[in-house]
Amino acid sequence: MRKPQLLVIAVILLIVGLWGMRALQQPSPPKFAPSLTQGVADSAPAPQRSETAHRDALPAFLPPEARATIALIQRGGPYPHKQDGSVFGNRERQLPQRPRGYYREYTVDTPGLNHRGAKRIVTGGDPPDAWYYTDDHYESFRSFEVPATGERHE
């Protein structure tokens, strides 16, 4: 009688363990700042003059979603994708050669996609002193400048 009870307990523990492992493997919901360009309440304060100048100073080839990514980079995150902020290896050799770790990559969201898509911003330096945009997953890059916004908050 003792063996069937132990078998039932072992099966229950196995099921609970597998369920728990599956739950741990599920990605947690992204923890990131709300969109900086959508859903702003009417009661939100008007942008400061420097914020307006900052938005206007970015090049027209950047999609609107890139502006939110740039703001997150300048704040130091948190980022919506776990890969954001990781080292970009420049294996394609499309950017100037620099020591490993100089370049970092960040996702630029593409509306309507349920994955990261092909748009990225790659920065160089910490804090960034070089900025590049690609919309074809590192096949080509366009360099751009971002006005300084003051201190980086981590």
C-alpha atoms as a PDB file:
ATOM      1  CA  MET A   1       0.000   0.000   0.000  1.00  0.00           C
ATOM      2  CA  ARG A   2       2.916   2.325   0.677  1.00  0.00           C
ATOM      3  CA  LYS A   3       4.321   2.157  -2.889  1.00  0.00           C
ATOM      4  CA  PRO A   4       1.137   3.389  -4.654  1.00  0.00           C
ATOM      5  CA  GLN A   5       0.946   6.363  -2.288  1.00  0.00           C
ATOM      6  CA  LEU A   6       4.570   7.243  -2.976  1.00  0.00           C
ATOM      7  CA  LEU A   7       3.963   6.892  -6.710  1.00  0.00           C
ATOM      8  CA  VAL A   8       0.962   9.248  -6.562  1.00  0.00           C
ATOM      9  CA  ILE A   9       2.940  11.784  -4.546  1.00  0.00           C
ATOM     10  CA  ALA A  10       5.864  11.543  -6.989  1.00  0.00           C
ATOM     11  CA  VAL A  11       3.560  12.075  -9.975  1.00  0.00           C
ATOM     12  CA  ILE A  12       1.930  15.079  -8.306  1.00  0.00           C
ATOM     13  CA  LEU A  13       5.333  16.587  -7.482  1.00  0.00           C
ATOM     14  CA  LEU A  14       6.501  15.988 -11.051  1.00  0.00           C
ATOM     15  CA  ILE A  15       3.433  17.702 -12.500  1.00  0.00           C
ATOM     16  CA  VAL A  16       3.753  20.652 -10.126  1.00  0.00           C
ATOM     17  CA  GLY A  17       7.485  20.898 -10.855  1.00  0.00           C
ATOM     18  CA  LEU A  18       6.971  20.865 -14.625  1.00  0.00           C
ATOM     19  CA  TRP A  19       4.201  23.433 -14.367  1.00  0.00           C
ATOM     20  CA  GLY A  20       6.428  25.639 -12.212  1.00  0.00           C
ATOM     21  CA  MET A  21       9.353  25.326 -14.632  1.00  0.00           C
ATOM     22  CA  ARG A  22       7.097  26.213 -17.549  1.00  0.00           C
ATOM     23  CA  ALA A  23       5.843  29.271 -15.688  1.00  0.00           C
ATOM     24  CA  LEU A  24       9.447  30.323 -15.005  1.00  0.00           C
ATOM     25  CA  GLN A  25      10.351  29.944 -18.673  1.00  0.00           C
ATOM     26  CA  GLN A  26       7.553  32.248 -19.807  1.00  0.00           C
ATOM     27  CA  PRO A  27       8.917  35.736 -20.440  1.00  0.00           C
ATOM     28  CA  SER A  28       7.785  38.269 -17.931  1.00  0.00           C
ATOM     29  CA  PRO A  29       5.745  41.173 -19.250  1.00  0.00           C
ATOM     30  CA  PRO A  30       8.006  43.996 -20.397  1.00  0.00           C
ATOM     31  CA  LYS A  31       8.825  46.540 -17.726  1.00  0.00           C
ATOM     32  CA  PHE A  32       9.396  49.778 -19.498  1.00  0.00           C
ATOM     33  CA  ALA A  33       8.298  53.337 -19.498  1.00  0.00           C
ATOM     34  CA  PRO A  34       5.015  54.076 -21.239  1.00  0.00           C
ATOM     35  CA  SER A  35       5.184  55.399 -24.758  1.00  0.00           C
ATOM     36  CA  LEU A  36       6.571  58.883 -24.876  1.00  0.00           C
ATOM     37  CA  THR A  37       4.617  59.785 -27.986  1.00  0.00           C
ATOM     38  CA  GLN A  38       1.181  58.245 -27.458  1.00  0.00           C
ATOM     39  CA  GLY A  39      -1.569  58.608 -24.887  1.00  0.00           C
ATOM     40  CA  VAL A  40      -0.380  61.839 -23.351  1.00  0.00           C
ATOM     41  CA  ALA A  41      -3.171  63.187 -21.174  1.00  0.00           C
ATOM     42  CA  ASP A  42      -4.585  66.623 -21.915  1.00  0.00           C
ATOM     43  CA  SER A  43      -3.544  67.673 -18.431  1.00  0.00           C
ATOM     44  CA  ALA A  44       0.121  66.884 -19.128  1.00  0.00           C
ATOM     45  CA  PRO A  45       2.351  69.949 -19.020  1.00  0.00           C
ATOM     46  CA  ALA A  46       3.404  71.433 -22.337  1.00  0.00           C
ATOM     47  CA  PRO A  47       6.879  70.372 -23.453  1.00  0.00           C
ATOM     48  CA  GLN A  48       9.717  72.591 -22.368  1.00  0.00           C
ATOM     49  CA  ARG A  49      11.349  74.632 -25.087  1.00  0.00           C
ATOM     50  CA  SER A  50      14.446  72.412 -24.997  1.00  0.00           C
ATOM     51  CA  GLU A  51      12.289  69.262 -25.478  1.00  0.00           C
ATOM     52  CA  THR A  52      10.626  70.816 -28.516  1.00  0.00           C
ATOM     53  CA  ALA A  53      13.998  71.838 -29.928  1.00  0.00           C
ATOM     54  CA  HIS A  54      15.276  68.301 -29.256  1.00  0.00           C
ATOM     55  CA  ARG A  55      12.405  66.726 -31.226  1.00  0.00           C
ATOM     56  CA  ASP A  56      12.815  69.156 -34.099  1.00  0.00           C
ATOM     57  CA  ALA A  57      16.594  68.628 -34.255  1.00  0.00           C
ATOM     58  CA  LEU A  58      16.325  64.919 -35.094  1.00  0.00           C
ATOM     59  CA  PRO A  59      16.533  64.013 -38.788  1.00  0.00           C
ATOM     60  CA  ALA A  60      13.378  63.445 -40.810  1.00  0.00           C
ATOM     61  CA  PHE A  61      14.446  59.932 -41.878  1.00  0.00           C
ATOM     62  CA  LEU A  62      13.883  58.628 -38.337  1.00  0.00           C
ATOM     63  CA  PRO A  63      10.432  57.110 -37.826  1.00  0.00           C
ATOM     64  CA  PRO A  64       8.357  58.554 -34.962  1.00  0.00           C
ATOM     65  CA  GLU A  65       9.015  55.414 -32.861  1.00  0.00           C
ATOM     66  CA  ALA A  66      12.760  56.140 -32.938  1.00  0.00           C
ATOM     67  CA  ARG A  67      12.191  59.234 -30.835  1.00  0.00           C
ATOM     68  CA  ALA A  68      10.850  57.107 -27.974  1.00  0.00           C
ATOM     69  CA  THR A  69      13.830  54.752 -28.290  1.00  0.00           C
ATOM     70  CA  ILE A  70      16.246  57.693 -28.172  1.00  0.00           C
ATOM     71  CA  ALA A  71      14.538  59.027 -25.044  1.00  0.00           C
ATOM     72  CA  LEU A  72      14.879  55.615 -23.361  1.00  0.00           C
ATOM     73  CA  ILE A  73      18.568  55.417 -24.319  1.00  0.00           C
ATOM     74  CA  GLN A  74      19.203  58.873 -22.891  1.00  0.00           C
ATOM     75  CA  ARG A  75      17.407  57.910 -19.660  1.00  0.00           C
ATOM     76  CA  GLY A  76      19.317  54.646 -19.416  1.00  0.00           C
ATOM     77  CA  GLY A  77      16.171  52.488 -19.765  1.00  0.00           C
ATOM     78  CA  PRO A  78      14.368  50.452 -18.751  1.00  0.00           C
ATOM     79  CA  TYR A  79      13.980  48.930 -22.202  1.00  0.00           C
ATOM     80  CA  PRO A  80      11.068  46.933 -23.630  1.00  0.00           C
ATOM     81  CA  HIS A  81      13.278  44.205 -25.156  1.00  0.00           C
ATOM     82  CA  LYS A  82      15.860  42.184 -23.241  1.00  0.00           C
ATOM     83  CA  GLN A  83      18.315  42.557 -26.141  1.00  0.00           C
ATOM     84  CA  ASP A  84      18.228  46.359 -25.935  1.00  0.00           C
ATOM     85  CA  GLY A  85      21.494  47.738 -24.636  1.00  0.00           C
ATOM     86  CA  SER A  86      23.430  44.623 -25.614  1.00  0.00           C
ATOM     87  CA  VAL A  87      26.773  44.820 -27.391  1.00  0.00           C
ATOM     88  CA  PHE A  88      26.531  45.239 -31.154  1.00  0.00           C
ATOM     89  CA  GLY A  89      29.442  43.331 -32.671  1.00  0.00           C
ATOM     90  CA  ASN A  90      29.584  45.185 -36.030  1.00  0.00           C
ATOM     91  CA  ARG A  91      30.198  41.833 -37.753  1.00  0.00           C
ATOM     92  CA  GLU A  92      28.829  43.332 -40.970  1.00  0.00           C
ATOM     93  CA  ARG A  93      31.593  45.971 -40.762  1.00  0.00           C
ATOM     94  CA  GLN A  94      29.178  48.686 -41.848  1.00  0.00           C
ATOM     95  CA  LEU A  95      30.259  51.004 -39.004  1.00  0.00           C
ATOM     96  CA  PRO A  96      33.745  52.339 -38.195  1.00  0.00           C
ATOM     97  CA  GLN A  97      35.930  49.767 -36.440  1.00  0.00           C
ATOM     98  CA  ARG A  98      35.974  50.265 -32.676  1.00  0.00           C
ATOM     99  CA  PRO A  99      36.866  48.034 -29.714  1.00  0.00           C
ATOM    100  CA  ARG A 100      34.284  45.397 -28.763  1.00  0.00           C
ATOM    101  CA  GLY A 101      31.704  46.875 -26.412  1.00  0.00           C
ATOM    102  CA  TYR A 102      31.806  50.352 -27.945  1.00  0.00           C
ATOM    103  CA  TYR A 103      28.591  49.811 -29.921  1.00  0.00           C
ATOM    104  CA  ARG A 104      25.207  49.018 -28.326  1.00  0.00           C
ATOM    105  CA  GLU A 105      21.953  48.181 -30.106  1.00  0.00           C
ATOM    106  CA  TYR A 106      18.357  49.143 -29.348  1.00  0.00           C
ATOM    107  CA  THR A 107      15.054  48.162 -30.948  1.00  0.00           C
ATOM    108  CA  VAL A 108      12.921  50.717 -32.752  1.00  0.00           C
ATOM    109  CA  ASP A 109       9.361  49.408 -32.653  1.00  0.00           C
ATOM    110  CA  THR A 110       7.518  48.783 -35.898  1.00  0.00           C
ATOM    111  CA  PRO A 111       3.748  49.255 -35.496  1.00  0.00           C
ATOM    112  CA  GLY A 112       1.740  46.158 -36.383  1.00  0.00           C
ATOM    113  CA  LEU A 113       4.540  43.647 -35.774  1.00  0.00           C
ATOM    114  CA  ASN A 114       4.470  41.156 -32.913  1.00  0.00           C
ATOM    115  CA  HIS A 115       8.277  40.778 -32.982  1.00  0.00           C
ATOM    116  CA  ARG A 116      11.248  43.152 -32.887  1.00  0.00           C
ATOM    117  CA  GLY A 117      11.334  43.819 -36.605  1.00  0.00           C
ATOM    118  CA  ALA A 118      14.371  45.142 -38.495  1.00  0.00           C
ATOM    119  CA  LYS A 119      14.666  48.708 -37.202  1.00  0.00           C
ATOM    120  CA  ARG A 120      17.461  49.481 -34.763  1.00  0.00           C
ATOM    121  CA  ILE A 121      19.420  52.333 -33.317  1.00  0.00           C
ATOM    122  CA  VAL A 122      23.070  51.561 -32.680  1.00  0.00           C
ATOM    123  CA  THR A 123      25.008  53.878 -30.415  1.00  0.00           C
ATOM    124  CA  GLY A 124      28.716  54.224 -29.826  1.00  0.00           C
ATOM    125  CA  GLY A 125      30.264  55.203 -26.518  1.00  0.00           C
ATOM    126  CA  ASP A 126      28.879  55.576 -23.016  1.00  0.00           C
ATOM    127  CA  PRO A 127      27.269  58.045 -22.921  1.00  0.00           C
ATOM    128  CA  PRO A 128      26.646  57.744 -26.650  1.00  0.00           C
ATOM    129  CA  ASP A 129      28.718  60.021 -28.855  1.00  0.00           C
ATOM    130  CA  ALA A 130      27.810  58.239 -32.112  1.00  0.00           C
ATOM    131  CA  TRP A 131      24.296  57.394 -33.309  1.00  0.00           C
ATOM    132  CA  TYR A 132      23.252  55.200 -36.249  1.00  0.00           C
ATOM    133  CA  TYR A 133      19.869  54.062 -37.577  1.00  0.00           C
ATOM    134  CA  THR A 134      19.123  50.985 -39.667  1.00  0.00           C
ATOM    135  CA  ASP A 135      15.738  49.935 -40.993  1.00  0.00           C
ATOM    136  CA  ASP A 136      17.037  46.844 -42.803  1.00  0.00           C
ATOM    137  CA  HIS A 137      18.562  44.839 -39.929  1.00  0.00           C
ATOM    138  CA  TYR A 138      22.160  46.072 -40.209  1.00  0.00           C
ATOM    139  CA  GLU A 139      22.439  45.981 -44.015  1.00  0.00           C
ATOM    140  CA  SER A 140      22.881  49.762 -44.091  1.00  0.00           C
ATOM    141  CA  PHE A 141      23.157  52.579 -41.564  1.00  0.00           C
ATOM    142  CA  ARG A 142      22.492  56.298 -41.491  1.00  0.00           C
ATOM    143  CA  SER A 143      24.433  58.399 -39.044  1.00  0.00           C
ATOM    144  CA  PHE A 144      22.645  61.120 -37.106  1.00  0.00           C
ATOM    145  CA  GLU A 145      23.207  63.436 -34.175  1.00  0.00           C
ATOM    146  CA  VAL A 146      21.171  63.752 -31.029  1.00  0.00           C
ATOM    147  CA  PRO A 147      21.223  66.995 -29.078  1.00  0.00           C
ATOM    148  CA  ALA A 148      22.518  66.637 -25.538  1.00  0.00           C
ATOM    149  CA  THR A 149      19.812  66.551 -22.902  1.00  0.00           C
ATOM    150  CA  GLY A 150      21.876  66.842 -19.752  1.00  0.00           C
ATOM    151  CA  GLU A 151      22.633  64.079 -17.284  1.00  0.00           C
ATOM    152  CA  ARG A 152      21.804  60.444 -17.869  1.00  0.00           C
ATOM    153  CA  HIS A 153      19.606  58.916 -15.175  1.00  0.00           C
ATOM    154  CA  GLU A 154      20.217  55.268 -14.316  1.00  0.00           C
END
